[in-house]
């Protein structure tokens, strides 16, 4: 409401689609106190060592200027923090703590906060998504060996790694806050707090990273995820069967079968949650199958669970896309009915209705019994028939009016649907 100073009040109403509203990330200033001042170098070294040993992952504590606080380890690093860090372009929403160095080497750097200001950072060890063969060829023998020893991490596990490291950084922040309150904290006290905290964060991060990372069937996980995104039940069952068959051929023991199936379910449910923001349903599915996996024995059992998991995910997606009296497809149909003479391609509609093109295509086909292309062509040709019967417009003009820029394509579609040319239809 705006008071203009006149007798009338002016009401200003604006509409902002909810999916465009994003909370701006909170910016933290650097703390005026260094992390070394609060805890001391010796205590920080012990925290660093304790966390690294517990999580089986090389970690380093940095100050607020990215300088190494503790003594340098013996690892060969493939980035230069002082020269600035290049953010890793993962293409994954919300993944903002990953940085990339030479040869595609990736690290994660998580802020350690003290009184809502950055006192330092927690940096994890190095890993790769893919090895850069061209980069390898430029390295000498020592660097080549160091590069080959860097473990591979499936891209789908990046979210889990970031979450785990953020949890550990929060724990270190708690210890720093306690040290400040108590005007210093003993190494023993810090170690006790850390040990207790890590027990509640008992996830072994190193399990996410494997020297045999290339053996993890990432391509099959992506195949299963794509089938779920398309709401394609048949394809999801085939993908689950393909996963089970691969594990069977490799003679993978039951424990590893359960771990592989669990990793796939976690990765897929996480990505679908980020696509839809339906936290409750997807986390419920995740916990449901975490419990079911405990009794999973063998590849056949894993195949059944993956198929059941896919069915649950597809059902959630369907209900989300169609909930309410005016379902998504019905709204899209009305929109196309008013706009078919314009660009109503899949990409344009997905952007207009704030949904994934995959989801839109799948649910549109299922509800309308035909593809988007066929649906639009039918509407355009029906309108063209009306204009051919009721007006004296040239065929070329009618083609443009109903949305076809090429007369030849209009004629081809018309003949396919009506069995005659537009001119023959007019002369009937």
Protein backbone atom coordinates (compact mmCIF):
# COMPACT_ATOMS: atom_id res chain seq x y z
CA UNK A 1 0.00 0.00 0.00
CA UNK A 2 1.38 3.40 -0.97
CA UNK A 3 0.23 6.64 0.65
CA UNK A 4 0.47 9.26 -2.11
CA UNK A 5 -0.65 12.10 0.12
CA UNK A 6 -3.89 12.41 -1.85
CA UNK A 7 -7.33 11.30 -0.76
CA UNK A 8 -7.07 7.93 -2.49
CA UNK A 9 -4.74 5.16 -1.39
CA UNK A 10 -2.81 3.26 -4.03
CA UNK A 11 -2.46 -0.49 -3.68
CA UNK A 12 0.53 -1.96 -5.51
CA UNK A 13 0.24 -5.70 -6.09
CA UNK A 14 3.10 -7.71 -7.58
CA UNK A 15 3.36 -11.37 -8.39
CA UNK A 16 6.58 -13.30 -7.99
CA UNK A 17 6.52 -17.06 -8.76
CA UNK A 18 7.50 -18.89 -5.59
CA UNK A 19 10.07 -21.02 -7.35
CA UNK A 20 12.00 -17.90 -8.28
CA UNK A 21 12.28 -16.76 -4.68
CA UNK A 22 15.61 -17.85 -3.29
CA UNK A 23 16.99 -16.92 0.07
CA UNK A 24 20.24 -15.07 -0.42
CA UNK A 25 23.17 -16.93 1.13
CA UNK A 26 24.31 -15.34 4.34
CA UNK A 27 27.65 -13.60 3.97
CA UNK A 28 30.01 -13.99 6.92
CA UNK A 29 32.77 -11.51 7.70
CA UNK A 30 36.21 -12.61 8.78
CA UNK A 31 36.67 -12.79 12.53
CA UNK A 32 38.97 -10.26 14.15
CA UNK A 33 40.42 -13.13 16.18
CA UNK A 34 42.42 -15.86 14.51
CA UNK A 35 41.59 -19.49 15.12
CA UNK A 36 45.08 -20.00 16.59
CA UNK A 37 44.47 -17.31 19.22
CA UNK A 38 41.32 -19.05 20.44
CA UNK A 39 42.52 -22.65 20.64
CA UNK A 40 46.26 -22.69 20.09
CA UNK A 41 48.27 -24.50 17.41
CA UNK A 42 48.86 -27.70 19.40
CA UNK A 43 45.16 -28.18 20.13
CA UNK A 44 44.26 -27.50 16.50
CA UNK A 45 46.83 -30.06 15.31
CA UNK A 46 45.32 -32.69 17.59
CA UNK A 47 41.79 -31.83 16.37
CA UNK A 48 42.96 -32.08 12.77
CA UNK A 49 44.65 -35.43 13.38
CA UNK A 50 41.69 -36.82 15.35
CA UNK A 51 39.17 -35.88 12.67
CA UNK A 52 41.40 -37.22 9.87
CA UNK A 53 41.90 -40.56 11.62
CA UNK A 54 38.25 -40.97 12.58
CA UNK A 55 36.86 -40.07 9.16
CA UNK A 56 39.71 -41.71 7.20
CA UNK A 57 40.08 -38.55 5.14
CA UNK A 58 43.02 -36.16 4.97
CA UNK A 59 41.89 -32.83 6.44
CA UNK A 60 43.59 -29.51 7.10
CA UNK A 61 42.59 -26.54 9.24
CA UNK A 62 43.20 -23.18 7.56
CA UNK A 63 43.09 -19.66 8.93
CA UNK A 64 40.66 -17.03 7.62
CA UNK A 65 43.14 -16.14 4.83
CA UNK A 66 43.33 -19.79 3.68
CA UNK A 67 46.79 -20.24 5.23
CA UNK A 68 47.69 -23.61 6.74
CA UNK A 69 47.48 -23.37 10.55
CA UNK A 70 49.12 -26.69 11.36
CA UNK A 71 52.31 -28.22 10.07
CA UNK A 72 52.18 -29.18 6.42
CA UNK A 73 51.67 -32.85 5.63
CA UNK A 74 53.57 -34.72 2.97
CA UNK A 75 50.85 -34.72 0.33
CA UNK A 76 51.45 -33.17 -3.08
CA UNK A 77 48.74 -30.56 -3.69
CA UNK A 78 47.54 -29.58 -7.15
CA UNK A 79 46.30 -26.10 -6.34
CA UNK A 80 47.69 -22.86 -5.00
CA UNK A 81 45.48 -21.34 -2.30
CA UNK A 82 47.42 -18.08 -2.28
CA UNK A 83 46.81 -17.61 -6.02
CA UNK A 84 43.06 -17.94 -5.48
CA UNK A 85 40.71 -20.87 -5.77
CA UNK A 86 38.51 -21.60 -8.76
CA UNK A 87 35.02 -22.75 -7.80
CA UNK A 88 34.22 -26.16 -9.21
CA UNK A 89 31.45 -25.90 -11.83
CA UNK A 90 29.57 -29.08 -10.96
CA UNK A 91 26.20 -28.13 -12.46
CA UNK A 92 24.59 -29.27 -9.19
CA UNK A 93 22.35 -26.88 -7.27
CA UNK A 94 23.51 -25.98 -3.77
CA UNK A 95 26.99 -27.40 -4.17
CA UNK A 96 29.03 -24.29 -3.39
CA UNK A 97 31.95 -25.48 -1.26
CA UNK A 98 33.89 -27.40 -3.93
CA UNK A 99 36.98 -25.90 -5.60
CA UNK A 100 39.06 -27.10 -8.51
CA UNK A 101 42.81 -27.05 -9.06
CA UNK A 102 45.09 -28.32 -11.81
CA UNK A 103 44.17 -31.50 -13.65
CA UNK A 104 40.58 -31.45 -12.40
CA UNK A 105 41.71 -32.08 -8.79
CA UNK A 106 38.92 -31.07 -6.41
CA UNK A 107 38.89 -30.13 -2.75
CA UNK A 108 36.17 -28.84 -0.44
CA UNK A 109 36.64 -25.87 1.86
CA UNK A 110 34.08 -25.32 4.63
CA UNK A 111 33.99 -22.17 6.84
CA UNK A 112 34.60 -22.58 10.58
CA UNK A 113 32.57 -19.89 12.34
CA UNK A 114 33.20 -18.06 15.60
CA UNK A 115 30.45 -15.69 16.75
CA UNK A 116 28.95 -15.75 13.22
CA UNK A 117 32.26 -14.70 11.67
CA UNK A 118 34.77 -16.79 9.76
CA UNK A 119 37.65 -17.79 12.04
CA UNK A 120 39.08 -20.35 9.64
CA UNK A 121 38.30 -23.14 7.22
CA UNK A 122 38.24 -26.92 7.13
CA UNK A 123 39.72 -28.27 3.91
CA UNK A 124 39.33 -31.90 2.91
CA UNK A 125 41.86 -33.93 0.97
CA UNK A 126 42.03 -34.14 -2.80
CA UNK A 127 39.84 -36.22 -5.08
CA UNK A 128 38.87 -36.44 -8.73
CA UNK A 129 35.65 -36.87 -10.67
CA UNK A 130 37.55 -37.86 -13.81
CA UNK A 131 41.26 -38.20 -14.52
CA UNK A 132 42.69 -35.76 -17.07
CA UNK A 133 44.85 -37.88 -19.39
CA UNK A 134 46.22 -34.80 -21.16
CA UNK A 135 47.29 -33.32 -17.82
CA UNK A 136 48.94 -36.60 -16.80
CA UNK A 137 51.14 -36.49 -19.88
CA UNK A 138 52.65 -33.16 -18.75
CA UNK A 139 53.76 -34.49 -15.35
CA UNK A 140 57.11 -35.82 -14.29
CA UNK A 141 57.39 -39.28 -12.65
CA UNK A 142 56.90 -38.09 -9.05
CA UNK A 143 53.90 -35.86 -9.79
CA UNK A 144 52.44 -38.52 -12.09
CA UNK A 145 52.49 -41.08 -9.24
CA UNK A 146 50.95 -38.54 -6.85
CA UNK A 147 48.20 -37.73 -9.35
CA UNK A 148 47.41 -41.42 -9.95
CA UNK A 149 47.05 -41.95 -6.19
CA UNK A 150 44.29 -39.34 -5.88
CA UNK A 151 41.00 -41.23 -5.33
CA UNK A 152 37.97 -40.97 -7.60
CA UNK A 153 34.62 -39.79 -6.27
CA UNK A 154 31.34 -40.36 -8.13
CA UNK A 155 29.77 -36.96 -8.87
CA UNK A 156 26.55 -38.03 -7.20
CA UNK A 157 28.41 -38.31 -3.86
CA UNK A 158 29.50 -34.67 -3.77
CA UNK A 159 26.40 -33.58 -1.84
CA UNK A 160 26.95 -36.23 0.84
CA UNK A 161 30.61 -35.26 1.22
CA UNK A 162 29.77 -31.55 1.54
CA UNK A 163 27.08 -32.26 4.14
CA UNK A 164 29.42 -34.46 6.19
CA UNK A 165 32.21 -31.89 6.13
CA UNK A 166 29.79 -29.07 7.08
CA UNK A 167 28.72 -31.16 10.06
CA UNK A 168 32.35 -31.61 11.15
CA UNK A 169 33.05 -27.87 10.66
CA UNK A 170 30.04 -27.11 12.91
CA UNK A 171 31.54 -29.41 15.53
CA UNK A 172 34.90 -27.62 15.39
CA UNK A 173 33.04 -24.29 15.64
CA UNK A 174 31.32 -25.54 18.81
CA UNK A 175 34.69 -26.43 20.33
CA UNK A 176 36.07 -22.98 19.47
CA UNK A 177 33.03 -21.28 21.03
CA UNK A 178 33.50 -23.37 24.16
CA UNK A 179 37.19 -22.45 24.26
CA UNK A 180 36.33 -18.74 24.05
CA UNK A 181 33.68 -19.02 26.80
CA UNK A 182 36.04 -20.89 29.09
CA UNK A 183 38.97 -18.58 28.20
CA UNK A 184 40.93 -21.47 26.81
CA UNK A 185 40.17 -25.14 26.53
CA UNK A 186 42.51 -27.97 27.38
CA UNK A 187 43.63 -30.44 24.74
CA UNK A 188 41.97 -33.21 26.73
CA UNK A 189 38.67 -31.33 26.90
CA UNK A 190 38.81 -30.52 23.19
CA UNK A 191 39.58 -34.14 22.37
CA UNK A 192 36.69 -35.38 24.54
CA UNK A 193 34.22 -32.99 22.90
CA UNK A 194 35.50 -33.96 19.47
CA UNK A 195 35.35 -37.71 20.12
CA UNK A 196 31.78 -37.50 21.44
CA UNK A 197 30.73 -35.29 18.56
CA UNK A 198 32.27 -37.54 15.93
CA UNK A 199 30.44 -40.55 17.37
CA UNK A 200 27.18 -38.86 16.46
CA UNK A 201 28.63 -38.18 13.01
CA UNK A 202 29.93 -41.71 12.60
CA UNK A 203 29.54 -41.74 8.84
CA UNK A 204 32.90 -42.80 7.46
CA UNK A 205 33.42 -40.17 4.78
CA UNK A 206 36.15 -42.24 3.20
CA UNK A 207 33.52 -44.79 2.17
CA UNK A 208 32.28 -42.12 -0.25
CA UNK A 209 35.69 -42.05 -1.90
CA UNK A 210 37.33 -45.15 -3.28
CA UNK A 211 40.55 -45.92 -5.11
CA UNK A 212 38.34 -48.19 -7.16
CA UNK A 213 35.87 -45.40 -7.84
CA UNK A 214 35.82 -46.29 -11.51
CA UNK A 215 34.16 -49.59 -10.55
CA UNK A 216 31.11 -47.88 -9.10
CA UNK A 217 28.40 -48.10 -11.80
CA UNK A 218 27.73 -44.37 -12.05
CA UNK A 219 26.33 -44.77 -15.56
CA UNK A 220 23.71 -47.24 -14.30
CA UNK A 221 22.76 -44.97 -11.39
CA UNK A 222 22.23 -42.17 -13.92
CA UNK A 223 20.20 -44.53 -16.11
CA UNK A 224 17.91 -45.43 -13.19
CA UNK A 225 17.58 -41.77 -12.19
CA UNK A 226 16.70 -40.76 -15.76
CA UNK A 227 13.99 -43.45 -15.94
CA UNK A 228 12.49 -42.21 -12.66
CA UNK A 229 12.60 -38.61 -13.88
CA UNK A 230 10.70 -39.63 -17.04
CA UNK A 231 8.17 -41.53 -14.88
CA UNK A 232 9.06 -44.57 -16.97
CA UNK A 233 8.30 -47.60 -14.81
CA UNK A 234 9.35 -50.16 -17.42
CA UNK A 235 12.71 -48.47 -17.99
CA UNK A 236 13.35 -48.20 -14.24
CA UNK A 237 12.79 -51.96 -13.83
CA UNK A 238 15.18 -52.67 -16.69
CA UNK A 239 17.79 -50.38 -15.10
CA UNK A 240 17.41 -52.16 -11.74
CA UNK A 241 17.83 -55.52 -13.48
CA UNK A 242 20.93 -54.25 -15.30
CA UNK A 243 22.46 -53.08 -12.02
CA UNK A 244 21.79 -56.45 -10.37
CA UNK A 245 23.22 -58.34 -13.35
CA UNK A 246 26.43 -56.28 -13.27
CA UNK A 247 26.90 -56.96 -9.55
CA UNK A 248 26.17 -60.63 -10.13
CA UNK A 249 28.78 -60.90 -12.89
CA UNK A 250 31.35 -59.31 -10.61
CA UNK A 251 30.51 -61.77 -7.81
CA UNK A 252 30.07 -58.86 -5.42
CA UNK A 253 29.53 -59.99 -1.79
CA UNK A 254 26.21 -59.22 -0.10
CA UNK A 255 27.61 -56.41 2.04
CA UNK A 256 28.89 -54.53 -1.01
CA UNK A 257 25.63 -55.20 -2.86
CA UNK A 258 23.74 -53.50 -0.01
CA UNK A 259 26.21 -50.60 0.06
CA UNK A 260 25.96 -50.06 -3.71
CA UNK A 261 22.15 -50.15 -3.69
CA UNK A 262 22.09 -47.82 -0.67
CA UNK A 263 24.45 -45.34 -2.32
CA UNK A 264 22.28 -45.28 -5.43
CA UNK A 265 19.10 -44.69 -3.45
CA UNK A 266 20.73 -41.91 -1.44
CA UNK A 267 22.13 -40.16 -4.52
CA UNK A 268 18.92 -40.39 -6.53
CA UNK A 269 16.62 -39.31 -3.69
CA UNK A 270 18.90 -36.35 -2.95
CA UNK A 271 18.84 -35.14 -6.57
CA UNK A 272 15.09 -35.60 -6.90
CA UNK A 273 14.56 -33.66 -3.66
CA UNK A 274 16.63 -30.78 -5.06
CA UNK A 275 14.54 -30.89 -8.27
CA UNK A 276 11.19 -30.83 -6.47
CA UNK A 277 11.87 -29.40 -2.97
CA UNK A 278 9.61 -32.17 -1.61
CA UNK A 279 11.75 -32.82 1.45
CA UNK A 280 9.29 -34.83 3.55
CA UNK A 281 8.41 -37.42 0.94
CA UNK A 282 11.89 -38.05 -0.36
CA UNK A 283 13.48 -38.25 3.06
CA UNK A 284 10.72 -40.66 4.13
CA UNK A 285 11.56 -42.86 1.14
CA UNK A 286 15.25 -42.70 1.97
CA UNK A 287 14.75 -43.81 5.57
CA UNK A 288 12.28 -46.50 4.52
CA UNK A 289 14.80 -48.15 2.22
CA UNK A 290 17.69 -47.67 4.60
CA UNK A 291 15.77 -49.98 6.96
CA UNK A 292 14.82 -52.41 4.17
CA UNK A 293 18.43 -52.70 3.00
CA UNK A 294 19.43 -54.29 6.30
CA UNK A 295 17.62 -57.48 5.28
CA UNK A 296 18.78 -57.36 1.65
CA UNK A 297 20.75 -60.46 0.68
CA UNK A 298 22.04 -61.00 -2.82
CA UNK A 299 21.64 -59.33 -6.18
CA UNK A 300 18.07 -60.52 -6.73
CA UNK A 301 16.95 -58.93 -3.47
CA UNK A 302 18.73 -55.69 -4.39
CA UNK A 303 17.04 -55.65 -7.80
CA UNK A 304 13.62 -55.94 -6.15
CA UNK A 305 14.38 -53.13 -3.69
CA UNK A 306 15.68 -50.82 -6.43
CA UNK A 307 12.55 -51.46 -8.50
CA UNK A 308 10.32 -50.82 -5.49
CA UNK A 309 12.32 -47.66 -4.66
CA UNK A 310 11.90 -46.41 -8.24
CA UNK A 311 8.14 -47.07 -8.09
CA UNK A 312 7.84 -45.06 -4.87
CA UNK A 313 9.82 -42.14 -6.35
CA UNK A 314 7.70 -42.14 -9.51
CA UNK A 315 4.49 -42.16 -7.46
CA UNK A 316 5.71 -39.17 -5.43
CA UNK A 317 6.62 -37.27 -8.58
CA UNK A 318 3.24 -38.01 -10.15
CA UNK A 319 1.30 -36.91 -7.08
CA UNK A 320 3.37 -33.73 -6.76
CA UNK A 321 2.92 -32.77 -10.39
CA UNK A 322 -0.82 -33.47 -10.41
CA UNK A 323 -1.95 -32.46 -6.94
CA UNK A 324 -4.74 -29.88 -6.60
CA UNK A 325 -7.95 -29.49 -8.59
CA UNK A 326 -6.17 -27.81 -11.46
CA UNK A 327 -3.35 -30.26 -12.11
CA UNK A 328 -0.19 -29.22 -13.84
CA UNK A 329 -1.07 -30.87 -17.14
CA UNK A 330 -4.52 -29.32 -17.18
CA UNK A 331 -2.96 -25.90 -16.68
CA UNK A 332 -0.44 -26.56 -19.43
CA UNK A 333 -3.21 -27.71 -21.77
CA UNK A 334 -5.10 -24.48 -21.16
CA UNK A 335 -1.95 -22.46 -21.74
CA UNK A 336 -1.22 -24.26 -25.02
CA UNK A 337 -4.84 -23.81 -26.10
CA UNK A 338 -4.40 -20.04 -25.85
CA UNK A 339 -0.82 -19.87 -27.17
CA UNK A 340 -0.34 -22.68 -29.73
CA UNK A 341 0.36 -20.19 -32.52
CA UNK A 342 3.48 -19.11 -30.59
CA UNK A 343 6.52 -21.04 -29.38
CA UNK A 344 5.20 -23.73 -27.04
CA UNK A 345 8.20 -26.04 -27.15
CA UNK A 346 9.08 -28.29 -24.23
CA UNK A 347 11.85 -25.95 -23.06
CA UNK A 348 9.60 -22.90 -23.09
CA UNK A 349 6.80 -24.68 -21.20
CA UNK A 350 9.22 -26.11 -18.62
CA UNK A 351 10.56 -22.62 -17.95
CA UNK A 352 7.07 -21.12 -17.83
CA UNK A 353 5.76 -23.68 -15.31
CA UNK A 354 9.02 -24.04 -13.32
CA UNK A 355 9.42 -27.79 -13.76
CA UNK A 356 12.06 -30.06 -15.24
CA UNK A 357 11.63 -30.76 -18.99
CA UNK A 358 11.93 -34.50 -18.23
CA UNK A 359 9.09 -34.42 -15.70
CA UNK A 360 6.92 -32.27 -17.92
CA UNK A 361 7.40 -34.52 -20.96
CA UNK A 362 6.69 -37.70 -19.01
CA UNK A 363 3.57 -36.48 -17.21
CA UNK A 364 2.22 -34.75 -20.33
CA UNK A 365 2.49 -37.96 -22.36
CA UNK A 366 0.87 -40.02 -19.64
CA UNK A 367 -2.08 -37.71 -19.05
CA UNK A 368 -2.80 -36.76 -22.67
CA UNK A 369 -1.94 -40.05 -24.33
CA UNK A 370 0.28 -38.32 -26.88
CA UNK A 371 3.48 -36.33 -27.08
CA UNK A 372 3.59 -32.55 -26.72
CA UNK A 373 4.52 -32.22 -30.40
CA UNK A 374 1.52 -34.26 -31.53
CA UNK A 375 -0.79 -32.38 -29.17
CA UNK A 376 0.29 -28.97 -30.49
CA UNK A 377 0.08 -30.13 -34.13
CA UNK A 378 -3.47 -31.35 -33.56
CA UNK A 379 -4.56 -27.98 -32.15
CA UNK A 380 -2.88 -26.05 -34.96
CA UNK A 381 -4.34 -28.19 -37.74
CA UNK A 382 -7.85 -28.01 -36.21
CA UNK A 383 -7.59 -24.22 -36.20
CA UNK A 384 -6.22 -24.24 -39.77
CA UNK A 385 -9.25 -26.26 -40.91
CA UNK A 386 -11.56 -23.62 -39.42
CA UNK A 387 -9.72 -20.84 -41.27
CA UNK A 388 -9.76 -22.82 -44.53
CA UNK A 389 -13.54 -23.29 -44.25
CA UNK A 390 -14.54 -19.86 -42.96
CA UNK A 391 -12.09 -17.39 -44.52
CA UNK A 392 -10.48 -16.55 -47.84
CA UNK A 393 -7.00 -16.26 -46.36
CA UNK A 394 -4.15 -17.68 -48.41
CA UNK A 395 -2.77 -21.04 -47.27
CA UNK A 396 0.59 -19.37 -46.51
CA UNK A 397 -1.15 -16.83 -44.26
CA UNK A 398 -3.05 -19.56 -42.43
CA UNK A 399 0.21 -21.47 -41.95
CA UNK A 400 1.76 -18.50 -40.18
CA UNK A 401 -1.37 -17.73 -38.18
CA UNK A 402 -1.48 -21.20 -36.61
CA UNK A 403 2.22 -21.26 -35.74
CA UNK A 404 4.13 -22.75 -38.69
CA UNK A 405 6.92 -20.62 -40.14
CA UNK A 406 7.53 -23.04 -43.04
CA UNK A 407 4.69 -23.64 -45.48
CA UNK A 408 6.14 -26.98 -46.58
CA UNK A 409 6.15 -28.30 -43.00
CA UNK A 410 2.58 -27.10 -42.48
CA UNK A 411 1.53 -28.98 -45.61
CA UNK A 412 3.34 -32.12 -44.47
CA UNK A 413 1.70 -32.12 -41.02
CA UNK A 414 -1.73 -31.33 -42.51
CA UNK A 415 -1.51 -34.23 -44.98
CA UNK A 416 -0.35 -36.60 -42.24
CA UNK A 417 -3.31 -35.76 -39.98
CA UNK A 418 -6.07 -35.17 -42.57
CA UNK A 419 -5.00 -37.32 -45.52
CA UNK A 420 -5.09 -34.40 -47.96
CA UNK A 421 -3.44 -31.04 -48.65
CA UNK A 422 -4.85 -27.77 -47.23
CA UNK A 423 -5.97 -26.77 -50.75
CA UNK A 424 -7.78 -30.08 -51.31
CA UNK A 425 -9.49 -29.68 -47.91
CA UNK A 426 -10.72 -26.18 -48.86
CA UNK A 427 -12.09 -27.36 -52.22
CA UNK A 428 -14.21 -30.16 -50.74
